[in-house]
Amino acid sequence: MKFVAAAFLVACGIWATGAQADDASDAVKCLAVGLSMSSSDDPNDQTLGMLSTMYWMGRVDGLTPRPDLEKQMQAGAFDMKPEDQKVEAARCQAALTARGEALTLLGHEMQQRQNSN
């Protein structure tokens, strides 16, 4: 179970964009989606939302220069329409899936190296 949680966190991932501002905006939107999920009535959504929120907060904190999170959240991330939130959730999920697959491959490689020793 711990591996699944760790895979999810790493899966929240990095995707290539043209500018740092886009990285910040994308990360903040994914953070907002995670926060929204964590307040769901569905326990599974809550768990995924909490894990996602922790990861995306780390991504936002790791950006240079660090964006003004409160300002960006108030500038629209908190007020996404349901259809916009669905689009963002799909984009974030695609990033999660890609990073999860990369993590799985790294885990298999690490296991193979340990088995060969």
PDB file of N, CA and C in Angstrom:
ATOM      1  N   MET A   1       0.817  -1.186   0.000  1.00  0.00           N
ATOM      2  CA  MET A   1       0.000   0.000   0.000  1.00  0.00           C
ATOM      3  C   MET A   1       0.865   1.255   0.000  1.00  0.00           C
ATOM      4  N   LYS A   2       1.974   1.227   0.757  1.00  0.00           N
ATOM      5  CA  LYS A   2       2.867   2.385   0.794  1.00  0.00           C
ATOM      6  C   LYS A   2       3.452   2.649  -0.589  1.00  0.00           C
ATOM      7  N   PHE A   3       3.775   1.561  -1.323  1.00  0.00           N
ATOM      8  CA  PHE A   3       4.325   1.740  -2.663  1.00  0.00           C
ATOM      9  C   PHE A   3       3.303   2.400  -3.577  1.00  0.00           C
ATOM     10  N   VAL A   4       2.042   2.009  -3.452  1.00  0.00           N
ATOM     11  CA  VAL A   4       0.981   2.600  -4.274  1.00  0.00           C
ATOM     12  C   VAL A   4       0.864   4.087  -3.970  1.00  0.00           C
ATOM     13  N   ALA A   5       0.895   4.443  -2.693  1.00  0.00           N
ATOM     14  CA  ALA A   5       0.807   5.858  -2.319  1.00  0.00           C
ATOM     15  C   ALA A   5       2.013   6.623  -2.837  1.00  0.00           C
ATOM     16  N   ALA A   6       3.205   6.042  -2.706  1.00  0.00           N
ATOM     17  CA  ALA A   6       4.407   6.710  -3.205  1.00  0.00           C
ATOM     18  C   ALA A   6       4.359   6.842  -4.722  1.00  0.00           C
ATOM     19  N   ALA A   7       3.881   5.809  -5.388  1.00  0.00           N
ATOM     20  CA  ALA A   7       3.766   5.874  -6.853  1.00  0.00           C
ATOM     21  C   ALA A   7       2.817   6.970  -7.270  1.00  0.00           C
ATOM     22  N   PHE A   8       1.714   7.107  -6.539  1.00  0.00           N
ATOM     23  CA  PHE A   8       0.756   8.156  -6.859  1.00  0.00           C
ATOM     24  C   PHE A   8       1.398   9.524  -6.716  1.00  0.00           C
ATOM     25  N   LEU A   9       2.127   9.728  -5.635  1.00  0.00           N
ATOM     26  CA  LEU A   9       2.748  11.032  -5.414  1.00  0.00           C
ATOM     27  C   LEU A   9       3.750  11.368  -6.504  1.00  0.00           C
ATOM     28  N   VAL A  10       4.578  10.416  -6.849  1.00  0.00           N
ATOM     29  CA  VAL A  10       5.553  10.676  -7.898  1.00  0.00           C
ATOM     30  C   VAL A  10       4.859  10.832  -9.238  1.00  0.00           C
ATOM     31  N   ALA A  11       3.754  10.119  -9.403  1.00  0.00           N
ATOM     32  CA  ALA A  11       3.032  10.159 -10.665  1.00  0.00           C
ATOM     33  C   ALA A  11       2.421  11.517 -10.946  1.00  0.00           C
ATOM     34  N   CYS A  12       2.323  12.347  -9.977  1.00  0.00           N
ATOM     35  CA  CYS A  12       1.701  13.658 -10.173  1.00  0.00           C
ATOM     36  C   CYS A  12       2.452  14.510 -11.174  1.00  0.00           C
ATOM     37  N   GLY A  13       3.622  14.192 -11.440  1.00  0.00           N
ATOM     38  CA  GLY A  13       4.508  14.519 -12.474  1.00  0.00           C
ATOM     39  C   GLY A  13       4.741  15.859 -13.091  1.00  0.00           C
ATOM     40  N   ILE A  14       5.740  15.816 -13.900  1.00  0.00           N
ATOM     41  CA  ILE A  14       6.252  16.967 -14.614  1.00  0.00           C
ATOM     42  C   ILE A  14       5.897  16.795 -16.081  1.00  0.00           C
ATOM     43  N   TRP A  15       5.394  17.829 -16.721  1.00  0.00           N
ATOM     44  CA  TRP A  15       5.184  17.779 -18.155  1.00  0.00           C
ATOM     45  C   TRP A  15       5.848  19.017 -18.737  1.00  0.00           C
ATOM     46  N   ALA A  16       6.311  18.902 -19.961  1.00  0.00           N
ATOM     47  CA  ALA A  16       7.050  19.993 -20.587  1.00  0.00           C
ATOM     48  C   ALA A  16       6.095  21.097 -21.014  1.00  0.00           C
ATOM     49  N   THR A  17       6.458  22.324 -20.661  1.00  0.00           N
ATOM     50  CA  THR A  17       5.714  23.484 -21.116  1.00  0.00           C
ATOM     51  C   THR A  17       6.705  24.523 -21.574  1.00  0.00           C
ATOM     52  N   GLY A  18       6.200  25.527 -22.253  1.00  0.00           N
ATOM     53  CA  GLY A  18       7.078  26.520 -22.845  1.00  0.00           C
ATOM     54  C   GLY A  18       7.678  27.496 -21.880  1.00  0.00           C
ATOM     55  N   ALA A  19       7.011  27.802 -20.780  1.00  0.00           N
ATOM     56  CA  ALA A  19       7.505  28.844 -19.893  1.00  0.00           C
ATOM     57  C   ALA A  19       7.255  28.481 -18.446  1.00  0.00           C
ATOM     58  N   GLN A  20       8.075  29.077 -17.568  1.00  0.00           N
ATOM     59  CA  GLN A  20       7.929  28.840 -16.137  1.00  0.00           C
ATOM     60  C   GLN A  20       6.549  29.254 -15.648  1.00  0.00           C
ATOM     61  N   ALA A  21       6.009  30.326 -16.194  1.00  0.00           N
ATOM     62  CA  ALA A  21       4.676  30.786 -15.785  1.00  0.00           C
ATOM     63  C   ALA A  21       3.639  29.710 -16.055  1.00  0.00           C
ATOM     64  N   ASP A  22       3.761  29.001 -17.169  1.00  0.00           N
ATOM     65  CA  ASP A  22       2.832  27.918 -17.473  1.00  0.00           C
ATOM     66  C   ASP A  22       2.982  26.790 -16.465  1.00  0.00           C
ATOM     67  N   ASP A  23       4.214  26.465 -16.083  1.00  0.00           N
ATOM     68  CA  ASP A  23       4.439  25.434 -15.070  1.00  0.00           C
ATOM     69  C   ASP A  23       3.748  25.809 -13.773  1.00  0.00           C
ATOM     70  N   ALA A  24       3.905  27.064 -13.366  1.00  0.00           N
ATOM     71  CA  ALA A  24       3.296  27.518 -12.119  1.00  0.00           C
ATOM     72  C   ALA A  24       1.778  27.472 -12.218  1.00  0.00           C
ATOM     73  N   SER A  25       1.233  27.986 -13.287  1.00  0.00           N
ATOM     74  CA  SER A  25      -0.215  28.006 -13.476  1.00  0.00           C
ATOM     75  C   SER A  25      -0.781  26.593 -13.507  1.00  0.00           C
ATOM     76  N   ASP A  26      -0.121  25.705 -14.226  1.00  0.00           N
ATOM     77  CA  ASP A  26      -0.577  24.318 -14.315  1.00  0.00           C
ATOM     78  C   ASP A  26      -0.517  23.634 -12.955  1.00  0.00           C
ATOM     79  N   ALA A  27       0.571  23.842 -12.230  1.00  0.00           N
ATOM     80  CA  ALA A  27       0.718  23.220 -10.912  1.00  0.00           C
ATOM     81  C   ALA A  27      -0.323  23.756  -9.945  1.00  0.00           C
ATOM     82  N   VAL A  28      -0.581  25.052  -9.989  1.00  0.00           N
ATOM     83  CA  VAL A  28      -1.574  25.645  -9.101  1.00  0.00           C
ATOM     84  C   VAL A  28      -2.969  25.107  -9.423  1.00  0.00           C
ATOM     85  N   LYS A  29      -3.268  24.947 -10.693  1.00  0.00           N
ATOM     86  CA  LYS A  29      -4.580  24.389 -11.059  1.00  0.00           C
ATOM     87  C   LYS A  29      -4.715  22.952 -10.576  1.00  0.00           C
ATOM     88  N   CYS A  30      -3.661  22.167 -10.716  1.00  0.00           N
ATOM     89  CA  CYS A  30      -3.707  20.786 -10.223  1.00  0.00           C
ATOM     90  C   CYS A  30      -3.820  20.763  -8.704  1.00  0.00           C
ATOM     91  N   LEU A  31      -3.163  21.695  -8.043  1.00  0.00           N
ATOM     92  CA  LEU A  31      -3.291  21.819  -6.594  1.00  0.00           C
ATOM     93  C   LEU A  31      -4.733  22.115  -6.216  1.00  0.00           C
ATOM     94  N   ALA A  32      -5.373  23.025  -6.947  1.00  0.00           N
ATOM     95  CA  ALA A  32      -6.768  23.361  -6.671  1.00  0.00           C
ATOM     96  C   ALA A  32      -7.679  22.148  -6.879  1.00  0.00           C
ATOM     97  N   VAL A  33      -7.411  21.372  -7.923  1.00  0.00           N
ATOM     98  CA  VAL A  33      -8.202  20.158  -8.171  1.00  0.00           C
ATOM     99  C   VAL A  33      -8.014  19.180  -7.013  1.00  0.00           C
ATOM    100  N   GLY A  34      -6.776  19.000  -6.567  1.00  0.00           N
ATOM    101  CA  GLY A  34      -6.511  18.111  -5.437  1.00  0.00           C
ATOM    102  C   GLY A  34      -7.206  18.568  -4.167  1.00  0.00           C
ATOM    103  N   LEU A  35      -7.171  19.869  -3.902  1.00  0.00           N
ATOM    104  CA  LEU A  35      -7.857  20.410  -2.728  1.00  0.00           C
ATOM    105  C   LEU A  35      -9.359  20.150  -2.813  1.00  0.00           C
ATOM    106  N   SER A  36      -9.904  20.333  -3.997  1.00  0.00           N
ATOM    107  CA  SER A  36     -11.332  20.084  -4.191  1.00  0.00           C
ATOM    108  C   SER A  36     -11.670  18.620  -3.941  1.00  0.00           C
ATOM    109  N   MET A  37     -10.844  17.728  -4.472  1.00  0.00           N
ATOM    110  CA  MET A  37     -11.079  16.290  -4.271  1.00  0.00           C
ATOM    111  C   MET A  37     -10.974  15.916  -2.799  1.00  0.00           C
ATOM    112  N   SER A  38     -10.059  16.550  -2.078  1.00  0.00           N
ATOM    113  CA  SER A  38      -9.858  16.185  -0.671  1.00  0.00           C
ATOM    114  C   SER A  38     -11.041  16.576   0.202  1.00  0.00           C
ATOM    115  N   SER A  39     -11.910  17.456  -0.296  1.00  0.00           N
ATOM    116  CA  SER A  39     -13.096  17.828   0.475  1.00  0.00           C
ATOM    117  C   SER A  39     -14.341  17.067   0.006  1.00  0.00           C
ATOM    118  N   SER A  40     -14.143  16.064  -0.820  1.00  0.00           N
ATOM    119  CA  SER A  40     -15.248  15.248  -1.328  1.00  0.00           C
ATOM    120  C   SER A  40     -15.867  14.407  -0.212  1.00  0.00           C
ATOM    121  N   ASP A  41     -17.092  13.989  -0.425  1.00  0.00           N
ATOM    122  CA  ASP A  41     -17.749  13.058   0.505  1.00  0.00           C
ATOM    123  C   ASP A  41     -17.283  11.622   0.285  1.00  0.00           C
ATOM    124  N   ASP A  42     -16.705  11.354  -0.874  1.00  0.00           N
ATOM    125  CA  ASP A  42     -16.228  10.012  -1.216  1.00  0.00           C
ATOM    126  C   ASP A  42     -14.847   9.793  -0.586  1.00  0.00           C
ATOM    127  N   PRO A  43     -14.704   8.794   0.293  1.00  0.00           N
ATOM    128  CA  PRO A  43     -13.415   8.553   0.951  1.00  0.00           C
ATOM    129  C   PRO A  43     -12.268   8.293  -0.030  1.00  0.00           C
ATOM    130  N   ASN A  44     -12.536   7.633  -1.154  1.00  0.00           N
ATOM    131  CA  ASN A  44     -11.484   7.392  -2.145  1.00  0.00           C
ATOM    132  C   ASN A  44     -11.021   8.698  -2.770  1.00  0.00           C
ATOM    133  N   ASP A  45     -11.976   9.571  -3.111  1.00  0.00           N
ATOM    134  CA  ASP A  45     -11.615  10.875  -3.660  1.00  0.00           C
ATOM    135  C   ASP A  45     -10.848  11.701  -2.637  1.00  0.00           C
ATOM    136  N   GLN A  46     -11.240  11.601  -1.373  1.00  0.00           N
ATOM    137  CA  GLN A  46     -10.540  12.323  -0.317  1.00  0.00           C
ATOM    138  C   GLN A  46      -9.081  11.899  -0.234  1.00  0.00           C
ATOM    139  N   THR A  47      -8.858  10.594  -0.269  1.00  0.00           N
ATOM    140  CA  THR A  47      -7.494  10.072  -0.180  1.00  0.00           C
ATOM    141  C   THR A  47      -6.665  10.522  -1.370  1.00  0.00           C
ATOM    142  N   LEU A  48      -7.207  10.354  -2.568  1.00  0.00           N
ATOM    143  CA  LEU A  48      -6.479  10.786  -3.762  1.00  0.00           C
ATOM    144  C   LEU A  48      -6.247  12.290  -3.752  1.00  0.00           C
ATOM    145  N   GLY A  49      -7.243  13.030  -3.286  1.00  0.00           N
ATOM    146  CA  GLY A  49      -7.103  14.479  -3.212  1.00  0.00           C
ATOM    147  C   GLY A  49      -6.008  14.899  -2.249  1.00  0.00           C
ATOM    148  N   MET A  50      -5.927  14.246  -1.105  1.00  0.00           N
ATOM    149  CA  MET A  50      -4.889  14.576  -0.120  1.00  0.00           C
ATOM    150  C   MET A  50      -3.496  14.268  -0.664  1.00  0.00           C
ATOM    151  N   LEU A  51      -3.348  13.109  -1.277  1.00  0.00           N
ATOM    152  CA  LEU A  51      -2.044  12.748  -1.850  1.00  0.00           C
ATOM    153  C   LEU A  51      -1.659  13.718  -2.964  1.00  0.00           C
ATOM    154  N   SER A  52      -2.617  14.019  -3.823  1.00  0.00           N
ATOM    155  CA  SER A  52      -2.375  14.947  -4.920  1.00  0.00           C
ATOM    156  C   SER A  52      -2.022  16.331  -4.391  1.00  0.00           C
ATOM    157  N   THR A  53      -2.747  16.784  -3.391  1.00  0.00           N
ATOM    158  CA  THR A  53      -2.485  18.101  -2.806  1.00  0.00           C
ATOM    159  C   THR A  53      -1.070  18.190  -2.261  1.00  0.00           C
ATOM    160  N   MET A  54      -0.626  17.168  -1.560  1.00  0.00           N
ATOM    161  CA  MET A  54       0.735  17.182  -1.015  1.00  0.00           C
ATOM    162  C   MET A  54       1.764  17.259  -2.134  1.00  0.00           C
ATOM    163  N   TYR A  55       1.559  16.475  -3.189  1.00  0.00           N
ATOM    164  CA  TYR A  55       2.515  16.486  -4.291  1.00  0.00           C
ATOM    165  C   TYR A  55       2.543  17.851  -4.978  1.00  0.00           C
ATOM    166  N   TRP A  56       1.376  18.356  -5.353  1.00  0.00           N
ATOM    167  CA  TRP A  56       1.336  19.617  -6.099  1.00  0.00           C
ATOM    168  C   TRP A  56       1.825  20.780  -5.259  1.00  0.00           C
ATOM    169  N   MET A  57       1.620  20.746  -3.956  1.00  0.00           N
ATOM    170  CA  MET A  57       2.166  21.793  -3.101  1.00  0.00           C
ATOM    171  C   MET A  57       3.684  21.749  -3.148  1.00  0.00           C
ATOM    172  N   GLY A  58       4.241  20.553  -3.159  1.00  0.00           N
ATOM    173  CA  GLY A  58       5.693  20.409  -3.305  1.00  0.00           C
ATOM    174  C   GLY A  58       6.181  20.937  -4.641  1.00  0.00           C
ATOM    175  N   ARG A  59       5.423  20.677  -5.699  1.00  0.00           N
ATOM    176  CA  ARG A  59       5.787  21.194  -7.028  1.00  0.00           C
ATOM    177  C   ARG A  59       5.771  22.713  -7.030  1.00  0.00           C
ATOM    178  N   VAL A  60       4.729  23.295  -6.455  1.00  0.00           N
ATOM    179  CA  VAL A  60       4.629  24.760  -6.413  1.00  0.00           C
ATOM    180  C   VAL A  60       5.783  25.329  -5.591  1.00  0.00           C
ATOM    181  N   ASP A  61       6.055  24.742  -4.436  1.00  0.00           N
ATOM    182  CA  ASP A  61       7.146  25.223  -3.589  1.00  0.00           C
ATOM    183  C   ASP A  61       8.506  25.072  -4.255  1.00  0.00           C
ATOM    184  N   GLY A  62       8.632  24.109  -5.161  1.00  0.00           N
ATOM    185  CA  GLY A  62       9.908  23.871  -5.829  1.00  0.00           C
ATOM    186  C   GLY A  62      10.168  24.751  -7.044  1.00  0.00           C
ATOM    187  N   LEU A  63       9.186  25.533  -7.444  1.00  0.00           N
ATOM    188  CA  LEU A  63       9.357  26.399  -8.611  1.00  0.00           C
ATOM    189  C   LEU A  63      10.213  27.612  -8.269  1.00  0.00           C
ATOM    190  N   THR A  64      11.015  28.021  -9.239  1.00  0.00           N
ATOM    191  CA  THR A  64      11.828  29.222  -9.084  1.00  0.00           C
ATOM    192  C   THR A  64      11.548  30.131 -10.262  1.00  0.00           C
ATOM    193  N   PRO A  65      11.114  31.332 -10.055  1.00  0.00           N
ATOM    194  CA  PRO A  65      10.744  31.898  -8.758  1.00  0.00           C
ATOM    195  C   PRO A  65       9.444  31.277  -8.272  1.00  0.00           C
ATOM    196  N   ARG A  66       9.297  31.237  -6.967  1.00  0.00           N
ATOM    197  CA  ARG A  66       8.100  30.662  -6.358  1.00  0.00           C
ATOM    198  C   ARG A  66       6.906  31.587  -6.634  1.00  0.00           C
ATOM    199  N   PRO A  67       5.833  31.025  -7.175  1.00  0.00           N
ATOM    200  CA  PRO A  67       4.662  31.863  -7.464  1.00  0.00           C
ATOM    201  C   PRO A  67       3.947  32.288  -6.181  1.00  0.00           C
ATOM    202  N   ASP A  68       3.212  33.373  -6.276  1.00  0.00           N
ATOM    203  CA  ASP A  68       2.379  33.831  -5.170  1.00  0.00           C
ATOM    204  C   ASP A  68       1.129  32.954  -5.177  1.00  0.00           C
ATOM    205  N   LEU A  69       1.152  31.907  -4.376  1.00  0.00           N
ATOM    206  CA  LEU A  69       0.102  30.898  -4.385  1.00  0.00           C
ATOM    207  C   LEU A  69      -1.263  31.508  -4.078  1.00  0.00           C
ATOM    208  N   GLU A  70      -1.338  32.313  -3.054  1.00  0.00           N
ATOM    209  CA  GLU A  70      -2.624  32.908  -2.678  1.00  0.00           C
ATOM    210  C   GLU A  70      -3.179  33.755  -3.821  1.00  0.00           C
ATOM    211  N   LYS A  71      -2.326  34.544  -4.436  1.00  0.00           N
ATOM    212  CA  LYS A  71      -2.759  35.406  -5.543  1.00  0.00           C
ATOM    213  C   LYS A  71      -3.256  34.565  -6.721  1.00  0.00           C
ATOM    214  N   GLN A  72      -2.523  33.509  -7.067  1.00  0.00           N
ATOM    215  CA  GLN A  72      -2.934  32.669  -8.193  1.00  0.00           C
ATOM    216  C   GLN A  72      -4.209  31.890  -7.896  1.00  0.00           C
ATOM    217  N   MET A  73      -4.357  31.441  -6.675  1.00  0.00           N
ATOM    218  CA  MET A  73      -5.579  30.725  -6.312  1.00  0.00           C
ATOM    219  C   MET A  73      -6.781  31.666  -6.404  1.00  0.00           C
ATOM    220  N   GLN A  74      -6.616  32.875  -5.922  1.00  0.00           N
ATOM    221  CA  GLN A  74      -7.707  33.838  -5.967  1.00  0.00           C
ATOM    222  C   GLN A  74      -7.961  34.349  -7.377  1.00  0.00           C
ATOM    223  N   ALA A  75      -6.972  34.238  -8.250  1.00  0.00           N
ATOM    224  CA  ALA A  75      -7.105  34.713  -9.630  1.00  0.00           C
ATOM    225  C   ALA A  75      -7.814  33.710 -10.523  1.00  0.00           C
ATOM    226  N   GLY A  76      -8.357  32.661  -9.959  1.00  0.00           N
ATOM    227  CA  GLY A  76      -9.129  31.765 -10.795  1.00  0.00           C
ATOM    228  C   GLY A  76      -9.075  30.301 -10.461  1.00  0.00           C
ATOM    229  N   ALA A  77      -8.017  29.844  -9.826  1.00  0.00           N
ATOM    230  CA  ALA A  77      -7.912  28.411  -9.552  1.00  0.00           C
ATOM    231  C   ALA A  77      -9.022  27.948  -8.613  1.00  0.00           C
ATOM    232  N   PHE A  78      -9.387  28.780  -7.640  1.00  0.00           N
ATOM    233  CA  PHE A  78     -10.451  28.401  -6.713  1.00  0.00           C
ATOM    234  C   PHE A  78     -11.830  28.496  -7.351  1.00  0.00           C
ATOM    235  N   ASP A  79     -11.943  29.286  -8.401  1.00  0.00           N
ATOM    236  CA  ASP A  79     -13.251  29.558  -8.996  1.00  0.00           C
ATOM    237  C   ASP A  79     -13.477  28.847 -10.325  1.00  0.00           C
ATOM    238  N   MET A  80     -12.778  27.754 -10.553  1.00  0.00           N
ATOM    239  CA  MET A  80     -12.957  27.030 -11.809  1.00  0.00           C
ATOM    240  C   MET A  80     -14.387  26.525 -11.918  1.00  0.00           C
ATOM    241  N   LYS A  81     -14.936  26.651 -13.098  1.00  0.00           N
ATOM    242  CA  LYS A  81     -16.256  26.089 -13.371  1.00  0.00           C
ATOM    243  C   LYS A  81     -16.110  24.569 -13.406  1.00  0.00           C
ATOM    244  N   PRO A  82     -17.199  23.849 -13.143  1.00  0.00           N
ATOM    245  CA  PRO A  82     -17.105  22.380 -13.145  1.00  0.00           C
ATOM    246  C   PRO A  82     -16.514  21.808 -14.434  1.00  0.00           C
ATOM    247  N   GLU A  83     -16.871  22.374 -15.582  1.00  0.00           N
ATOM    248  CA  GLU A  83     -16.322  21.856 -16.848  1.00  0.00           C
ATOM    249  C   GLU A  83     -14.826  22.144 -16.967  1.00  0.00           C
ATOM    250  N   ASP A  84     -14.378  23.304 -16.449  1.00  0.00           N
ATOM    251  CA  ASP A  84     -12.946  23.614 -16.460  1.00  0.00           C
ATOM    252  C   ASP A  84     -12.192  22.703 -15.497  1.00  0.00           C
ATOM    253  N   GLN A  85     -12.810  22.422 -14.357  1.00  0.00           N
ATOM    254  CA  GLN A  85     -12.183  21.541 -13.383  1.00  0.00           C
ATOM    255  C   GLN A  85     -12.028  20.127 -13.958  1.00  0.00           C
ATOM    256  N   LYS A  86     -13.011  19.675 -14.745  1.00  0.00           N
ATOM    257  CA  LYS A  86     -12.910  18.357 -15.384  1.00  0.00           C
ATOM    258  C   LYS A  86     -11.752  18.321 -16.375  1.00  0.00           C
ATOM    259  N   VAL A  87     -11.587  19.394 -17.142  1.00  0.00           N
ATOM    260  CA  VAL A  87     -10.480  19.475 -18.107  1.00  0.00           C
ATOM    261  C   VAL A  87      -9.142  19.439 -17.369  1.00  0.00           C
ATOM    262  N   GLU A  88      -9.045  20.232 -16.310  1.00  0.00           N
ATOM    263  CA  GLU A  88      -7.802  20.262 -15.525  1.00  0.00           C
ATOM    264  C   GLU A  88      -7.542  18.915 -14.863  1.00  0.00           C
ATOM    265  N   ALA A  89      -8.591  18.301 -14.326  1.00  0.00           N
ATOM    266  CA  ALA A  89      -8.425  16.993 -13.688  1.00  0.00           C
ATOM    267  C   ALA A  89      -7.908  15.962 -14.689  1.00  0.00           C
ATOM    268  N   ALA A  90      -8.418  16.007 -15.923  1.00  0.00           N
ATOM    269  CA  ALA A  90      -7.947  15.065 -16.957  1.00  0.00           C
ATOM    270  C   ALA A  90      -6.481  15.328 -17.288  1.00  0.00           C
ATOM    271  N   ARG A  91      -6.089  16.599 -17.375  1.00  0.00           N
ATOM    272  CA  ARG A  91      -4.694  16.940 -17.672  1.00  0.00           C
ATOM    273  C   ARG A  91      -3.789  16.476 -16.537  1.00  0.00           C
ATOM    274  N   CYS A  92      -4.212  16.743 -15.313  1.00  0.00           N
ATOM    275  CA  CYS A  92      -3.424  16.329 -14.155  1.00  0.00           C
ATOM    276  C   CYS A  92      -3.323  14.810 -14.077  1.00  0.00           C
ATOM    277  N   GLN A  93      -4.429  14.124 -14.383  1.00  0.00           N
ATOM    278  CA  GLN A  93      -4.433  12.661 -14.360  1.00  0.00           C
ATOM    279  C   GLN A  93      -3.479  12.108 -15.416  1.00  0.00           C
ATOM    280  N   ALA A  94      -3.438  12.734 -16.586  1.00  0.00           N
ATOM    281  CA  ALA A  94      -2.509  12.271 -17.629  1.00  0.00           C
ATOM    282  C   ALA A  94      -1.065  12.413 -17.150  1.00  0.00           C
ATOM    283  N   ALA A  95      -0.770  13.514 -16.472  1.00  0.00           N
ATOM    284  CA  ALA A  95       0.569  13.702 -15.922  1.00  0.00           C
ATOM    285  C   ALA A  95       0.855  12.655 -14.851  1.00  0.00           C
ATOM    286  N   LEU A  96      -0.138  12.381 -14.018  1.00  0.00           N
ATOM    287  CA  LEU A  96       0.018  11.364 -12.979  1.00  0.00           C
ATOM    288  C   LEU A  96       0.290   9.996 -13.577  1.00  0.00           C
ATOM    289  N   THR A  97      -0.463   9.660 -14.600  1.00  0.00           N
ATOM    290  CA  THR A  97      -0.306   8.358 -15.246  1.00  0.00           C
ATOM    291  C   THR A  97       1.091   8.214 -15.841  1.00  0.00           C
ATOM    292  N   ALA A  98       1.541   9.240 -16.533  1.00  0.00           N
ATOM    293  CA  ALA A  98       2.872   9.192 -17.151  1.00  0.00           C
ATOM    294  C   ALA A  98       3.966   9.024 -16.105  1.00  0.00           C
ATOM    295  N   ARG A  99       3.867   9.776 -15.024  1.00  0.00           N
ATOM    296  CA  ARG A  99       4.887   9.672 -13.979  1.00  0.00           C
ATOM    297  C   ARG A  99       4.782   8.343 -13.238  1.00  0.00           C
ATOM    298  N   GLY A 100       3.575   7.842 -13.070  1.00  0.00           N
ATOM    299  CA  GLY A 100       3.394   6.545 -12.427  1.00  0.00           C
ATOM    300  C   GLY A 100       4.031   5.430 -13.236  1.00  0.00           C
ATOM    301  N   GLU A 101       3.871   5.494 -14.547  1.00  0.00           N
ATOM    302  CA  GLU A 101       4.490   4.496 -15.420  1.00  0.00           C
ATOM    303  C   GLU A 101       6.009   4.584 -15.341  1.00  0.00           C
ATOM    304  N   ALA A 102       6.535   5.809 -15.303  1.00  0.00           N
ATOM    305  CA  ALA A 102       7.984   5.976 -15.178  1.00  0.00           C
ATOM    306  C   ALA A 102       8.478   5.424 -13.848  1.00  0.00           C
ATOM    307  N   LEU A 103       7.730   5.659 -12.786  1.00  0.00           N
ATOM    308  CA  LEU A 103       8.108   5.146 -11.473  1.00  0.00           C
ATOM    309  C   LEU A 103       8.067   3.626 -11.443  1.00  0.00           C
ATOM    310  N   THR A 104       7.065   3.054 -12.061  1.00  0.00           N
ATOM    311  CA  THR A 104       6.954   1.600 -12.120  1.00  0.00           C
ATOM    312  C   THR A 104       8.161   0.998 -12.832  1.00  0.00           C
ATOM    313  N   LEU A 105       8.556   1.596 -13.950  1.00  0.00           N
ATOM    314  CA  LEU A 105       9.736   1.116 -14.680  1.00  0.00           C
ATOM    315  C   LEU A 105      10.996   1.228 -13.826  1.00  0.00           C
ATOM    316  N   LEU A 106      11.139   2.337 -13.119  1.00  0.00           N
ATOM    317  CA  LEU A 106      12.307   2.495 -12.244  1.00  0.00           C
ATOM    318  C   LEU A 106      12.293   1.457 -11.121  1.00  0.00           C
ATOM    319  N   GLY A 107      11.123   1.183 -10.581  1.00  0.00           N
ATOM    320  CA  GLY A 107      11.012   0.172  -9.532  1.00  0.00           C
ATOM    321  C   GLY A 107      11.402  -1.212 -10.021  1.00  0.00           C
ATOM    322  N   HIS A 108      10.953  -1.550 -11.253  1.00  0.00           N
ATOM    323  CA  HIS A 108      11.320  -2.850 -11.828  1.00  0.00           C
ATOM    324  C   HIS A 108      12.830  -2.926 -12.063  1.00  0.00           C
ATOM    325  N   GLU A 109      13.409  -1.846 -12.558  1.00  0.00           N
ATOM    326  CA  GLU A 109      14.852  -1.832 -12.800  1.00  0.00           C
ATOM    327  C   GLU A 109      15.618  -1.981 -11.490  1.00  0.00           C
ATOM    328  N   MET A 110      15.165  -1.287 -10.472  1.00  0.00           N
ATOM    329  CA  MET A 110      15.810  -1.370  -9.160  1.00  0.00           C
ATOM    330  C   MET A 110      15.717  -2.785  -8.597  1.00  0.00           C
ATOM    331  N   GLN A 111      14.562  -3.409  -8.757  1.00  0.00           N
ATOM    332  CA  GLN A 111      14.372  -4.772  -8.271  1.00  0.00           C
ATOM    333  C   GLN A 111      15.274  -5.743  -9.030  1.00  0.00           C
ATOM    334  N   GLN A 112      15.395  -5.561 -10.333  1.00  0.00           N
ATOM    335  CA  GLN A 112      16.256  -6.433 -11.139  1.00  0.00           C
ATOM    336  C   GLN A 112      17.707  -6.296 -10.708  1.00  0.00           C
ATOM    337  N   ARG A 113      18.120  -5.077 -10.412  1.00  0.00           N
ATOM    338  CA  ARG A 113      19.506  -4.854  -9.961  1.00  0.00           C
ATOM    339  C   ARG A 113      19.752  -5.526  -8.619  1.00  0.00           C
ATOM    340  N   GLN A 114      18.781  -5.449  -7.719  1.00  0.00           N
ATOM    341  CA  GLN A 114      18.920  -6.077  -6.417  1.00  0.00           C
ATOM    342  C   GLN A 114      18.954  -7.592  -6.555  1.00  0.00           C
ATOM    343  N   ASN A 115      18.149  -8.129  -7.454  1.00  0.00           N
ATOM    344  CA  ASN A 115      18.101  -9.586  -7.661  1.00  0.00           C
ATOM    345  C   ASN A 115      19.367 -10.117  -8.312  1.00  0.00           C
ATOM    346  N   SER A 116      20.059  -9.280  -9.080  1.00  0.00           N
ATOM    347  CA  SER A 116      21.254  -9.738  -9.764  1.00  0.00           C
ATOM    348  C   SER A 116      22.490  -9.691  -8.870  1.00  0.00           C
ATOM    349  N   ASN A 117      22.354  -9.079  -7.722  1.00  0.00           N
ATOM    350  CA  ASN A 117      23.499  -8.997  -6.785  1.00  0.00           C
ATOM    351  C   ASN A 117      23.566 -10.169  -5.902  1.00  0.00           C
TER     352      ASN A 117
END
